[in-house]
Protein backbone atom coordinates (compact mmCIF):
# COMPACT_ATOMS: atom_id res chain seq x y z
CA MET A 1 46.00 -17.01 -3.79
CA THR A 2 46.50 -16.51 -0.26
CA ARG A 3 47.15 -19.30 2.32
CA ASP A 4 43.72 -18.81 3.58
CA GLY A 5 42.42 -20.09 0.20
CA VAL A 6 41.24 -16.55 -1.20
CA CYS A 7 41.47 -14.97 -4.29
CA GLY A 8 42.09 -11.38 -5.51
CA PRO A 9 40.05 -9.60 -7.89
CA LEU A 10 39.46 -11.28 -11.58
CA LEU A 11 38.87 -9.11 -14.30
CA VAL A 12 35.58 -9.69 -16.76
CA GLY A 13 35.72 -7.74 -19.65
CA HIS A 14 35.15 -4.60 -18.03
CA LEU A 15 33.71 -6.17 -15.24
CA THR A 16 35.37 -7.33 -11.77
CA VAL A 17 34.48 -10.11 -10.10
CA LEU A 18 35.48 -11.24 -6.57
CA THR A 19 36.23 -14.57 -5.91
CA GLY A 20 36.09 -16.21 -2.10
CA THR A 21 36.90 -19.92 -2.50
CA LEU A 22 37.89 -22.69 -5.28
CA ILE A 23 34.55 -22.26 -6.46
CA GLY A 24 33.81 -18.53 -7.31
CA VAL A 25 37.17 -19.40 -9.50
CA ILE A 26 35.88 -22.54 -11.22
CA LEU A 27 32.36 -20.62 -12.01
CA TYR A 28 34.72 -17.37 -13.29
CA PHE A 29 35.60 -20.24 -16.43
CA MET A 30 31.59 -21.17 -16.28
CA GLN A 31 29.43 -20.06 -19.78
CA VAL A 32 25.67 -19.23 -19.64
CA ARG A 33 25.42 -22.60 -21.11
CA ASP A 34 27.19 -25.19 -18.55
CA LEU A 35 25.11 -23.19 -16.00
CA LEU A 36 21.70 -23.81 -18.53
CA GLU A 37 23.04 -27.44 -18.95
CA ILE A 38 23.70 -28.11 -15.18
CA ALA A 39 20.06 -26.74 -14.56
CA ILE A 40 18.83 -28.98 -17.20
CA LYS A 41 20.52 -31.93 -16.01
CA ARG A 42 19.00 -31.49 -12.85
CA ALA A 43 15.44 -30.38 -13.79
CA GLY A 44 15.11 -33.89 -16.54
CA SER A 45 15.39 -31.53 -19.69
CA GLU A 46 14.83 -28.37 -21.26
CA ALA A 47 11.46 -28.86 -21.04
CA LYS A 48 10.98 -29.72 -17.43
CA LEU A 49 13.59 -26.64 -16.50
CA GLY A 50 10.43 -24.25 -17.92
CA LYS A 51 8.15 -25.77 -16.74
CA LEU A 52 9.83 -25.44 -13.22
CA ALA A 53 10.07 -22.27 -14.01
CA GLY A 54 8.11 -20.84 -15.83
CA TYR A 55 9.68 -20.62 -19.56
CA THR A 56 8.63 -22.79 -22.49
CA GLN A 57 11.40 -25.30 -23.14
CA ASN A 58 11.83 -23.03 -26.76
CA ALA A 59 12.88 -20.05 -24.46
CA ILE A 60 15.76 -22.28 -22.29
CA TRP A 61 16.49 -23.53 -25.32
CA GLN A 62 17.20 -20.11 -26.96
CA ALA A 63 19.31 -18.73 -23.61
CA LYS A 64 21.02 -21.27 -24.11
CA GLU A 65 22.16 -21.22 -28.02
CA ARG A 66 22.46 -17.96 -27.52
CA GLY A 67 25.14 -17.75 -24.17
CA THR A 68 22.77 -14.79 -22.51
CA ILE A 69 20.12 -15.07 -20.06
CA THR A 70 17.72 -12.27 -18.61
CA ALA A 71 17.74 -11.67 -15.04
CA GLU A 72 14.13 -12.48 -14.95
CA MET A 73 15.13 -15.69 -16.12
CA ALA A 74 17.79 -16.50 -14.13
CA VAL A 75 15.92 -15.58 -10.92
CA ALA A 76 13.83 -18.59 -12.27
CA ILE A 77 16.24 -20.88 -12.96
CA ASP A 78 17.31 -20.35 -9.27
CA ARG A 79 14.42 -20.41 -8.45
CA ALA A 80 13.30 -23.67 -9.94
CA THR A 81 16.96 -26.02 -9.04
CA ASP A 82 16.94 -24.53 -5.46
CA GLY A 83 20.02 -22.49 -5.64
CA ALA A 84 22.01 -25.13 -7.53
CA VAL A 85 22.06 -22.54 -10.03
CA THR A 86 22.22 -19.22 -9.03
CA LYS A 87 20.90 -16.13 -10.54
CA GLU A 88 23.96 -14.83 -9.20
CA MET A 89 25.90 -17.32 -11.47
CA LEU A 90 23.78 -16.51 -14.51
CA ARG A 91 24.62 -12.70 -13.84
CA PRO A 92 26.84 -11.97 -12.25
CA ASP A 93 27.03 -8.43 -13.48
CA LEU A 94 23.46 -7.60 -11.64
CA PHE A 95 23.54 -9.88 -8.87
CA ASN A 96 26.55 -9.59 -7.09
CA SER A 97 26.31 -11.73 -3.82
CA GLU A 98 29.29 -9.93 -2.14
CA ALA A 99 27.34 -6.66 -2.22
CA ALA A 100 24.05 -8.55 -0.39
CA ALA A 101 26.70 -10.01 1.58
CA SER A 102 27.88 -6.19 2.81
């Protein structure tokens, strides 16, 4: 980490993710399951998150159990949590905040 708090590239499987803050480093170590748990806690339950995002409770539970999420569900959870759990966090392979910023 440099003195200005910027980290270099981190290798995630075959995907290189550039992180710019300590939050980015923390998110690097978080799994989809962890992020879904945050979204569920914010909504109050799996059923409430599902309702806010337009999915069933069972669909939320299955995504959490699999540890994977579709791009569509990532966008819906981003909206349902008012950006507390973003689509970039859930699917960094598809939504790259670095590319969107430039």
